[in-house]
C-alpha atoms as a PDB file:
ATOM      1  CA  MET A   1      91.110-103.928-167.822  1.00  0.00           C
ATOM      2  CA  THR A   2      91.247-103.870-164.028  1.00  0.00           C
ATOM      3  CA  LYS A   3      89.277-106.415-162.000  1.00  0.00           C
ATOM      4  CA  GLN A   4      89.875-105.372-158.383  1.00  0.00           C
ATOM      5  CA  ILE A   5      90.951-101.707-158.272  1.00  0.00           C
ATOM      6  CA  LYS A   6      88.314 -99.338-156.931  1.00  0.00           C
ATOM      7  CA  LEU A   7      87.340 -96.513-159.295  1.00  0.00           C
ATOM      8  CA  ALA A   8      86.873 -93.108-157.702  1.00  0.00           C
ATOM      9  CA  THR A   9      87.488 -89.406-158.136  1.00  0.00           C
ATOM     10  CA  ALA A  10      89.889 -87.506-155.912  1.00  0.00           C
ATOM     11  CA  VAL A  11      86.886 -85.321-155.088  1.00  0.00           C
ATOM     12  CA  THR A  12      83.540 -84.574-156.720  1.00  0.00           C
ATOM     13  CA  VAL A  13      82.534 -81.009-155.875  1.00  0.00           C
ATOM     14  CA  LEU A  14      78.886 -81.665-155.106  1.00  0.00           C
ATOM     15  CA  SER A  15      78.194 -78.018-154.234  1.00  0.00           C
ATOM     16  CA  SER A  16      78.472 -76.878-157.856  1.00  0.00           C
ATOM     17  CA  ASP A  17      77.368 -80.135-159.482  1.00  0.00           C
ATOM     18  CA  ASP A  18      73.917 -81.696-159.751  1.00  0.00           C
ATOM     19  CA  PRO A  19      73.255 -84.630-157.401  1.00  0.00           C
ATOM     20  CA  VAL A  20      71.138 -86.436-159.993  1.00  0.00           C
ATOM     21  CA  ARG A  21      73.931 -86.280-162.568  1.00  0.00           C
ATOM     22  CA  VAL A  22      76.504 -87.306-159.965  1.00  0.00           C
ATOM     23  CA  TYR A  23      74.414 -90.325-159.018  1.00  0.00           C
ATOM     24  CA  GLU A  24      73.787 -91.287-162.661  1.00  0.00           C
ATOM     25  CA  ARG A  25      77.458 -91.025-163.616  1.00  0.00           C
ATOM     26  CA  PHE A  26      78.708 -93.120-160.734  1.00  0.00           C
ATOM     27  CA  ALA A  27      75.884 -95.663-160.931  1.00  0.00           C
ATOM     28  CA  THR A  28      76.841 -96.166-164.593  1.00  0.00           C
ATOM     29  CA  LEU A  29      80.504 -96.542-163.646  1.00  0.00           C
ATOM     30  CA  ASP A  30      79.455 -98.979-160.933  1.00  0.00           C
ATOM     31  CA  ALA A  31      77.626-101.104-163.497  1.00  0.00           C
ATOM     32  CA  LEU A  32      80.541-101.080-165.914  1.00  0.00           C
ATOM     33  CA  SER A  33      83.007-102.043-163.166  1.00  0.00           C
ATOM     34  CA  HIS A  34      80.785-104.668-161.501  1.00  0.00           C
ATOM     35  CA  GLY A  35      80.302-102.783-158.238  1.00  0.00           C
ATOM     36  CA  ARG A  36      83.705-101.112-157.833  1.00  0.00           C
ATOM     37  CA  ALA A  37      82.744 -97.419-158.057  1.00  0.00           C
ATOM     38  CA  GLN A  38      83.329 -95.066-155.136  1.00  0.00           C
ATOM     39  CA  VAL A  39      82.147 -91.484-154.771  1.00  0.00           C
ATOM     40  CA  MET A  40      84.301 -88.918-152.953  1.00  0.00           C
ATOM     41  CA  LEU A  41      82.111 -85.904-152.213  1.00  0.00           C
ATOM     42  CA  GLY A  42      83.442 -82.549-151.073  1.00  0.00           C
ATOM     43  CA  ARG A  43      82.602 -78.872-150.839  1.00  0.00           C
ATOM     44  CA  GLY A  44      85.730 -78.066-152.822  1.00  0.00           C
ATOM     45  CA  SER A  45      88.868 -76.172-151.872  1.00  0.00           C
ATOM     46  CA  PHE A  46      88.855 -74.764-155.408  1.00  0.00           C
ATOM     47  CA  THR A  47      85.955 -72.405-155.978  1.00  0.00           C
ATOM     48  CA  GLU A  48      86.259 -71.674-159.715  1.00  0.00           C
ATOM     49  CA  SER A  49      83.310 -73.933-160.541  1.00  0.00           C
ATOM     50  CA  PHE A  50      80.824 -71.904-158.479  1.00  0.00           C
ATOM     51  CA  PRO A  51      80.570 -68.799-160.723  1.00  0.00           C
ATOM     52  CA  LEU A  52      81.022 -71.045-163.775  1.00  0.00           C
ATOM     53  CA  PHE A  53      77.690 -72.710-163.011  1.00  0.00           C
ATOM     54  CA  GLY A  54      75.956 -69.610-161.666  1.00  0.00           C
ATOM     55  CA  TYR A  55      76.325 -70.177-157.928  1.00  0.00           C
ATOM     56  CA  ASP A  56      77.157 -67.566-155.313  1.00  0.00           C
ATOM     57  CA  LEU A  57      80.027 -68.345-152.941  1.00  0.00           C
ATOM     58  CA  THR A  58      78.031 -66.860-150.075  1.00  0.00           C
ATOM     59  CA  ASP A  59      75.889 -70.012-150.374  1.00  0.00           C
ATOM     60  CA  TYR A  60      78.952 -72.263-150.016  1.00  0.00           C
ATOM     61  CA  ASP A  61      77.708 -74.266-147.011  1.00  0.00           C
ATOM     62  CA  ASP A  62      73.999 -74.176-147.895  1.00  0.00           C
ATOM     63  CA  LEU A  63      74.695 -75.557-151.379  1.00  0.00           C
ATOM     64  CA  PHE A  64      76.616 -78.526-150.056  1.00  0.00           C
ATOM     65  CA  ASN A  65      74.159 -79.330-147.279  1.00  0.00           C
ATOM     66  CA  GLU A  66      71.134 -79.196-149.581  1.00  0.00           C
ATOM     67  CA  LYS A  67      72.742 -81.181-152.371  1.00  0.00           C
ATOM     68  CA  LEU A  68      74.097 -83.747-149.962  1.00  0.00           C
ATOM     69  CA  GLY A  69      70.542 -84.296-148.712  1.00  0.00           C
ATOM     70  CA  LEU A  70      69.302 -84.925-152.246  1.00  0.00           C
ATOM     71  CA  TYR A  71      72.262 -87.168-153.091  1.00  0.00           C
ATOM     72  CA  ASP A  72      71.592 -89.206-149.955  1.00  0.00           C
ATOM     73  CA  ALA A  73      67.951 -89.661-150.979  1.00  0.00           C
ATOM     74  CA  LEU A  74      69.013 -90.766-154.472  1.00  0.00           C
ATOM     75  CA  ARG A  75      71.561 -93.163-153.002  1.00  0.00           C
ATOM     76  CA  ASN A  76      68.713 -95.118-151.356  1.00  0.00           C
ATOM     77  CA  GLU A  77      67.661 -96.074-154.920  1.00  0.00           C
ATOM     78  CA  LYS A  78      63.952 -95.556-154.331  1.00  0.00           C
ATOM     79  CA  ALA A  79      61.523 -93.077-155.849  1.00  0.00           C
ATOM     80  CA  VAL A  80      62.491 -89.589-154.595  1.00  0.00           C
ATOM     81  CA  THR A  81      60.232 -86.735-153.600  1.00  0.00           C
ATOM     82  CA  TRP A  82      62.331 -83.717-152.719  1.00  0.00           C
ATOM     83  CA  SER A  83      62.369 -79.919-152.866  1.00  0.00           C
ATOM     84  CA  GLY A  84      65.022 -77.319-152.120  1.00  0.00           C
ATOM     85  CA  LYS A  85      66.273 -73.838-152.852  1.00  0.00           C
ATOM     86  CA  PHE A  86      68.917 -74.377-155.526  1.00  0.00           C
ATOM     87  CA  ARG A  87      67.407 -76.832-158.037  1.00  0.00           C
ATOM     88  CA  ALA A  88      64.072 -78.024-159.369  1.00  0.00           C
ATOM     89  CA  ALA A  89      61.978 -80.249-157.093  1.00  0.00           C
ATOM     90  CA  LEU A  90      61.477 -83.975-157.679  1.00  0.00           C
ATOM     91  CA  LYS A  91      58.153 -85.738-157.196  1.00  0.00           C
ATOM     92  CA  ASN A  92      58.111 -89.513-156.854  1.00  0.00           C
ATOM     93  CA  GLN A  93      61.007 -89.642-159.339  1.00  0.00           C
ATOM     94  CA  GLU A  94      62.950 -92.819-160.100  1.00  0.00           C
ATOM     95  CA  VAL A  95      66.574 -92.353-161.149  1.00  0.00           C
ATOM     96  CA  TYR A  96      68.526 -94.941-163.111  1.00  0.00           C
ATOM     97  CA  PRO A  97      70.602 -97.040-163.337  1.00  0.00           C
ATOM     98  CA  LYS A  98      70.368 -98.856-160.022  1.00  0.00           C
ATOM     99  CA  THR A  99      73.600-100.280-158.613  1.00  0.00           C
ATOM    100  CA  GLU A 100      74.746-103.847-158.229  1.00  0.00           C
ATOM    101  CA  ASN A 101      75.083-103.577-154.442  1.00  0.00           C
ATOM    102  CA  GLY A 102      72.003-101.439-153.848  1.00  0.00           C
ATOM    103  CA  LYS A 103      73.920 -98.357-152.697  1.00  0.00           C
ATOM    104  CA  LEU A 104      76.901 -96.420-154.006  1.00  0.00           C
ATOM    105  CA  GLU A 105      79.908 -96.516-151.686  1.00  0.00           C
ATOM    106  CA  THR A 106      80.428 -92.880-150.706  1.00  0.00           C
ATOM    107  CA  TYR A 107      83.018 -90.900-148.769  1.00  0.00           C
ATOM    108  CA  ILE A 108      82.918 -87.283-147.675  1.00  0.00           C
ATOM    109  CA  GLY A 109      86.229 -85.525-148.102  1.00  0.00           C
ATOM    110  CA  ILE A 110      87.186 -83.113-145.347  1.00  0.00           C
ATOM    111  CA  GLY A 111      90.070 -80.729-144.918  1.00  0.00           C
ATOM    112  CA  GLY A 112      90.069 -80.549-141.137  1.00  0.00           C
ATOM    113  CA  SER A 113      87.126 -78.683-139.634  1.00  0.00           C
ATOM    114  CA  PRO A 114      84.958 -80.025-136.779  1.00  0.00           C
ATOM    115  CA  GLU A 115      81.814 -79.024-138.701  1.00  0.00           C
ATOM    116  CA  SER A 116      82.807 -81.221-141.649  1.00  0.00           C
ATOM    117  CA  VAL A 117      83.413 -84.173-139.345  1.00  0.00           C
ATOM    118  CA  ILE A 118      80.016 -83.828-137.656  1.00  0.00           C
ATOM    119  CA  ARG A 119      78.272 -83.444-141.024  1.00  0.00           C
ATOM    120  CA  ALA A 120      79.777 -86.723-142.238  1.00  0.00           C
ATOM    121  CA  VAL A 121      78.755 -88.489-139.025  1.00  0.00           C
ATOM    122  CA  ASN A 122      75.190 -87.185-139.263  1.00  0.00           C
ATOM    123  CA  VAL A 123      74.658 -88.615-142.745  1.00  0.00           C
ATOM    124  CA  GLY A 124      76.457 -91.844-141.833  1.00  0.00           C
ATOM    125  CA  TYR A 125      79.121 -91.621-144.543  1.00  0.00           C
ATOM    126  CA  LYS A 126      82.727 -92.713-144.601  1.00  0.00           C
ATOM    127  CA  VAL A 127      85.375 -89.984-144.220  1.00  0.00           C
ATOM    128  CA  ILE A 128      88.537 -89.297-146.179  1.00  0.00           C
ATOM    129  CA  ILE A 129      90.802 -86.541-144.856  1.00  0.00           C
ATOM    130  CA  ALA A 130      92.956 -84.483-147.204  1.00  0.00           C
ATOM    131  CA  ILE A 131      96.304 -84.050-145.471  1.00  0.00           C
ATOM    132  CA  ILE A 132      98.244 -81.878-147.896  1.00  0.00           C
ATOM    133  CA  GLY A 133     100.318 -79.832-145.476  1.00  0.00           C
ATOM    134  CA  GLY A 134     101.804 -80.195-142.007  1.00  0.00           C
ATOM    135  CA  GLN A 135     102.214 -83.182-139.751  1.00  0.00           C
ATOM    136  CA  ALA A 136      99.586 -85.910-139.762  1.00  0.00           C
ATOM    137  CA  SER A 137      99.388 -85.819-135.952  1.00  0.00           C
ATOM    138  CA  ARG A 138      97.424 -82.554-136.048  1.00  0.00           C
ATOM    139  CA  PHE A 139      94.472 -84.452-137.543  1.00  0.00           C
ATOM    140  CA  LYS A 140      94.230 -86.925-134.680  1.00  0.00           C
ATOM    141  CA  PRO A 141      91.692 -84.773-132.736  1.00  0.00           C
ATOM    142  CA  PHE A 142      89.375 -84.775-135.768  1.00  0.00           C
ATOM    143  CA  ILE A 143      89.523 -88.550-135.981  1.00  0.00           C
ATOM    144  CA  GLU A 144      88.805 -88.825-132.259  1.00  0.00           C
ATOM    145  CA  LEU A 145      85.878 -86.423-132.760  1.00  0.00           C
ATOM    146  CA  TYR A 146      84.513 -88.594-135.557  1.00  0.00           C
ATOM    147  CA  HIS A 147      84.476 -91.741-133.430  1.00  0.00           C
ATOM    148  CA  ALA A 148      83.121 -89.949-130.356  1.00  0.00           C
ATOM    149  CA  ALA A 149      80.329 -88.280-132.344  1.00  0.00           C
ATOM    150  CA  ALA A 150      79.377 -91.534-134.070  1.00  0.00           C
ATOM    151  CA  LYS A 151      79.013 -93.264-130.706  1.00  0.00           C
ATOM    152  CA  GLU A 152      77.061 -90.388-129.186  1.00  0.00           C
ATOM    153  CA  LEU A 153      74.685 -90.073-132.144  1.00  0.00           C
ATOM    154  CA  GLY A 154      74.319 -93.812-132.679  1.00  0.00           C
ATOM    155  CA  LYS A 155      75.749 -93.606-136.200  1.00  0.00           C
ATOM    156  CA  PRO A 156      77.908 -96.216-137.958  1.00  0.00           C
ATOM    157  CA  GLU A 157      81.674 -95.956-137.507  1.00  0.00           C
ATOM    158  CA  PHE A 158      83.961 -96.621-140.455  1.00  0.00           C
ATOM    159  CA  PRO A 159      87.751 -96.814-140.679  1.00  0.00           C
ATOM    160  CA  ILE A 160      89.176 -93.389-141.496  1.00  0.00           C
ATOM    161  CA  ALA A 161      90.915 -92.774-144.830  1.00  0.00           C
ATOM    162  CA  VAL A 162      93.414 -90.082-145.760  1.00  0.00           C
ATOM    163  CA  HIS A 163      95.110 -88.906-148.909  1.00  0.00           C
ATOM    164  CA  SER A 164      98.421 -87.108-149.276  1.00  0.00           C
ATOM    165  CA  HIS A 165     100.848 -86.211-152.037  1.00  0.00           C
ATOM    166  CA  GLY A 166     103.844 -88.371-152.832  1.00  0.00           C
ATOM    167  CA  PHE A 167     106.305 -89.660-155.366  1.00  0.00           C
ATOM    168  CA  ILE A 168     108.307 -92.893-155.516  1.00  0.00           C
ATOM    169  CA  ALA A 169     111.379 -93.821-157.558  1.00  0.00           C
ATOM    170  CA  ASP A 170     114.023 -96.535-157.267  1.00  0.00           C
ATOM    171  CA  ASP A 171     116.607 -93.952-156.246  1.00  0.00           C
ATOM    172  CA  GLU A 172     115.951 -91.747-153.204  1.00  0.00           C
ATOM    173  CA  ASN A 173     117.602 -88.613-154.583  1.00  0.00           C
ATOM    174  CA  GLU A 174     115.873 -88.950-157.939  1.00  0.00           C
ATOM    175  CA  ALA A 175     112.487 -89.200-156.211  1.00  0.00           C
ATOM    176  CA  ILE A 176     113.183 -86.073-154.139  1.00  0.00           C
ATOM    177  CA  GLU A 177     114.349 -83.979-157.095  1.00  0.00           C
ATOM    178  CA  VAL A 178     111.473 -85.007-159.379  1.00  0.00           C
ATOM    179  CA  ALA A 179     108.945 -84.420-156.600  1.00  0.00           C
ATOM    180  CA  PHE A 180     110.351 -81.025-155.652  1.00  0.00           C
ATOM    181  CA  LYS A 181     110.319 -79.786-159.240  1.00  0.00           C
ATOM    182  CA  ASN A 182     106.763 -80.900-159.909  1.00  0.00           C
ATOM    183  CA  ILE A 183     105.043 -80.398-156.544  1.00  0.00           C
ATOM    184  CA  LYS A 184     106.584 -76.929-156.223  1.00  0.00           C
ATOM    185  CA  ALA A 185     105.417 -75.964-159.718  1.00  0.00           C
ATOM    186  CA  ASN A 186     101.891 -77.150-158.953  1.00  0.00           C
ATOM    187  CA  PHE A 187     101.643 -75.478-155.545  1.00  0.00           C
ATOM    188  CA  ASP A 188     103.194 -72.257-156.848  1.00  0.00           C
ATOM    189  CA  ARG A 189     100.692 -72.141-159.717  1.00  0.00           C
ATOM    190  CA  ILE A 190      97.788 -72.512-157.298  1.00  0.00           C
ATOM    191  CA  GLY A 191      99.414 -70.036-154.925  1.00  0.00           C
ATOM    192  CA  LEU A 192      99.292 -67.282-157.537  1.00  0.00           C
ATOM    193  CA  THR A 193      95.516 -67.135-157.081  1.00  0.00           C
ATOM    194  CA  ARG A 194      95.571 -67.787-153.329  1.00  0.00           C
ATOM    195  CA  GLY A 195      98.233 -65.342-152.192  1.00  0.00           C
ATOM    196  CA  TRP A 196     100.672 -68.068-151.114  1.00  0.00           C
ATOM    197  CA  ALA A 197     104.407 -67.477-151.112  1.00  0.00           C
ATOM    198  CA  PRO A 198     106.352 -69.722-153.514  1.00  0.00           C
ATOM    199  CA  MET A 199     107.319 -73.060-151.986  1.00  0.00           C
ATOM    200  CA  SER A 200     110.887 -73.011-150.676  1.00  0.00           C
ATOM    201  CA  ARG A 201     113.245 -75.965-150.665  1.00  0.00           C
ATOM    202  CA  GLU A 202     113.245 -75.852-146.856  1.00  0.00           C
ATOM    203  CA  GLN A 203     109.446 -76.085-146.801  1.00  0.00           C
ATOM    204  CA  PHE A 204     109.483 -79.010-149.210  1.00  0.00           C
ATOM    205  CA  ASP A 205     112.208 -80.850-147.272  1.00  0.00           C
ATOM    206  CA  GLY A 206     110.251 -80.385-144.036  1.00  0.00           C
ATOM    207  CA  GLU A 207     107.094 -81.814-145.586  1.00  0.00           C
ATOM    208  CA  THR A 208     109.102 -84.738-146.985  1.00  0.00           C
ATOM    209  CA  LYS A 209     110.800 -85.585-143.703  1.00  0.00           C
ATOM    210  CA  VAL A 210     107.951 -85.152-141.185  1.00  0.00           C
ATOM    211  CA  GLY A 211     105.033 -83.617-143.064  1.00  0.00           C
ATOM    212  CA  SER A 212     102.491 -84.593-145.675  1.00  0.00           C
ATOM    213  CA  PHE A 213     104.693 -85.407-148.703  1.00  0.00           C
ATOM    214  CA  TYR A 214     105.570 -89.102-148.960  1.00  0.00           C
ATOM    215  CA  VAL A 215     108.610 -89.021-151.198  1.00  0.00           C
ATOM    216  CA  GLY A 216     111.576 -91.349-151.680  1.00  0.00           C
ATOM    217  CA  ASN A 217     112.468 -94.892-152.563  1.00  0.00           C
ATOM    218  CA  PRO A 218     109.969 -97.689-151.768  1.00  0.00           C
ATOM    219  CA  GLU A 219     111.398 -98.375-148.305  1.00  0.00           C
ATOM    220  CA  THR A 220     111.335 -94.721-147.249  1.00  0.00           C
ATOM    221  CA  VAL A 221     107.778 -94.183-148.443  1.00  0.00           C
ATOM    222  CA  ALA A 222     106.563 -97.462-146.921  1.00  0.00           C
ATOM    223  CA  ARG A 223     108.009 -96.615-143.509  1.00  0.00           C
ATOM    224  CA  ARG A 224     106.503 -93.120-143.488  1.00  0.00           C
ATOM    225  CA  MET A 225     103.117 -94.414-144.638  1.00  0.00           C
ATOM    226  CA  ALA A 226     103.105 -97.153-142.009  1.00  0.00           C
ATOM    227  CA  GLU A 227     103.976 -94.598-139.336  1.00  0.00           C
ATOM    228  CA  THR A 228     100.995 -92.419-140.309  1.00  0.00           C
ATOM    229  CA  ILE A 229      98.597 -95.352-140.603  1.00  0.00           C
ATOM    230  CA  ASP A 230      99.625 -96.575-137.157  1.00  0.00           C
ATOM    231  CA  LEU A 231      99.510 -93.095-135.589  1.00  0.00           C
ATOM    232  CA  LEU A 232      96.016 -92.280-136.852  1.00  0.00           C
ATOM    233  CA  ASP A 233      94.666 -95.857-136.834  1.00  0.00           C
ATOM    234  CA  LEU A 234      93.724 -95.573-140.501  1.00  0.00           C
ATOM    235  CA  GLY A 235      91.837 -98.042-142.623  1.00  0.00           C
ATOM    236  CA  ARG A 236      92.970 -96.564-145.937  1.00  0.00           C
ATOM    237  CA  PHE A 237      95.798 -94.427-147.288  1.00  0.00           C
ATOM    238  CA  ASP A 238      95.576 -92.912-150.781  1.00  0.00           C
ATOM    239  CA  LEU A 239      98.901 -91.707-152.158  1.00  0.00           C
ATOM    240  CA  VAL A 240      98.311 -88.939-154.701  1.00  0.00           C
ATOM    241  CA  TYR A 241     100.929 -89.089-157.441  1.00  0.00           C
ATOM    242  CA  GLY A 242      99.460 -86.559-159.860  1.00  0.00           C
ATOM    243  CA  ALA A 243     100.772 -83.254-158.491  1.00  0.00           C
ATOM    244  CA  GLY A 244     102.778 -81.568-161.205  1.00  0.00           C
ATOM    245  CA  ASN A 245     104.027 -82.634-164.620  1.00  0.00           C
ATOM    246  CA  GLN A 246     105.807 -85.920-164.099  1.00  0.00           C
ATOM    247  CA  THR A 247     106.302 -87.847-167.319  1.00  0.00           C
ATOM    248  CA  ALA A 248     103.992 -90.731-168.137  1.00  0.00           C
ATOM    249  CA  ALA A 249     106.911 -93.129-167.653  1.00  0.00           C
ATOM    250  CA  GLN A 250     107.642 -91.711-164.190  1.00  0.00           C
ATOM    251  CA  ARG A 251     104.006 -92.052-163.138  1.00  0.00           C
ATOM    252  CA  GLU A 252     103.690 -95.571-164.499  1.00  0.00           C
ATOM    253  CA  HIS A 253     106.842 -96.693-162.696  1.00  0.00           C
ATOM    254  CA  MET A 254     105.655 -95.097-159.482  1.00  0.00           C
ATOM    255  CA  ILE A 255     102.383 -97.018-159.699  1.00  0.00           C
ATOM    256  CA  GLU A 256     104.350-100.218-160.271  1.00  0.00           C
ATOM    257  CA  LEU A 257     106.589 -99.544-157.255  1.00  0.00           C
ATOM    258  CA  TYR A 258     103.573 -98.614-155.119  1.00  0.00           C
ATOM    259  CA  GLY A 259     101.755-101.845-155.903  1.00  0.00           C
ATOM    260  CA  THR A 260     104.656-104.285-155.925  1.00  0.00           C
ATOM    261  CA  LYS A 261     106.965-102.900-153.236  1.00  0.00           C
ATOM    262  CA  VAL A 262     105.433-100.157-151.091  1.00  0.00           C
ATOM    263  CA  ILE A 263     102.059-101.703-150.230  1.00  0.00           C
ATOM    264  CA  PRO A 264     103.495-105.152-149.345  1.00  0.00           C
ATOM    265  CA  ARG A 265     106.178-103.484-147.229  1.00  0.00           C
ATOM    266  CA  VAL A 266     103.612-101.294-145.432  1.00  0.00           C
ATOM    267  CA  LYS A 267     101.601-104.396-144.540  1.00  0.00           C
ATOM    268  CA  GLU A 268     104.771-106.099-143.301  1.00  0.00           C
ATOM    269  CA  ILE A 269     105.760-103.144-141.094  1.00  0.00           C
ATOM    270  CA  LEU A 270     102.247-102.851-139.638  1.00  0.00           C
ATOM    271  CA  ALA A 271     102.181-106.581-138.896  1.00  0.00           C
ATOM    272  CA  GLU A 272     105.513-106.218-137.050  1.00  0.00           C
ATOM    273  CA  LYS A 273     104.128-103.301-135.020  1.00  0.00           C
ATOM    274  CA  ALA A 274     100.976-105.246-134.177  1.00  0.00           C
ATOM    275  CA  ALA A 275     103.024-108.231-132.994  1.00  0.00           C
ATOM    276  CA  VAL A 276     104.950-106.018-130.567  1.00  0.00           C
ATOM    277  CA  LYS A 277     101.848-104.353-129.070  1.00  0.00           C
END
């Protein structure tokens, strides 16, 4: 059983879910983990759940905005009176369980649109940016927008988080080959429904060297992560290791390397950079 690790989803698609159920699930997890639950809310880059639950994609933005408003009211952990277009109204309704800290820690996941940044600022939530393609530097304007908007609107500012795909192994070449096989298979499968061309080796190598795939031995991954954290002034970096069909042994060893070698090395590199500045 873990005692310190935060427990969160990669993203909870609030638009096609019910805010009451989302709150109840995570408040229960929070109780079981003694206050370590985190909620990552998003509109969803995958839209299969919308027709599954009877929603129209033309309501994509309205669904998220309305449900975010209800979730925010529930998160205050007081009796809620609320009405909207897409679900039944609530009248002076208490929702349980309450959380240990009095409020669920919540992030809004964004893919890189100014509107998403401003929405997160307006509700006063933390932000986690999904950087799953291209160079991290292209997201710097969105981070600057977040901080500028928070100051202008008098909203709280939080350290920015990002998540990106990666894979770590003891041997550099092994890590690259395993990652290419599995990330390509995953992206190509998704691309069949999105109209994407199959991922080429050149595309993968570019993402690995200067893009959004953090792949290699612990030293390589640590240096690339530290570079991105320093460039974007991040407070959190989530490395996503689940893309594809890596074996359980490969995933377990990656987690071990991430915790015992990569994270300590990232902290060391960042401390060295800070000492020079």
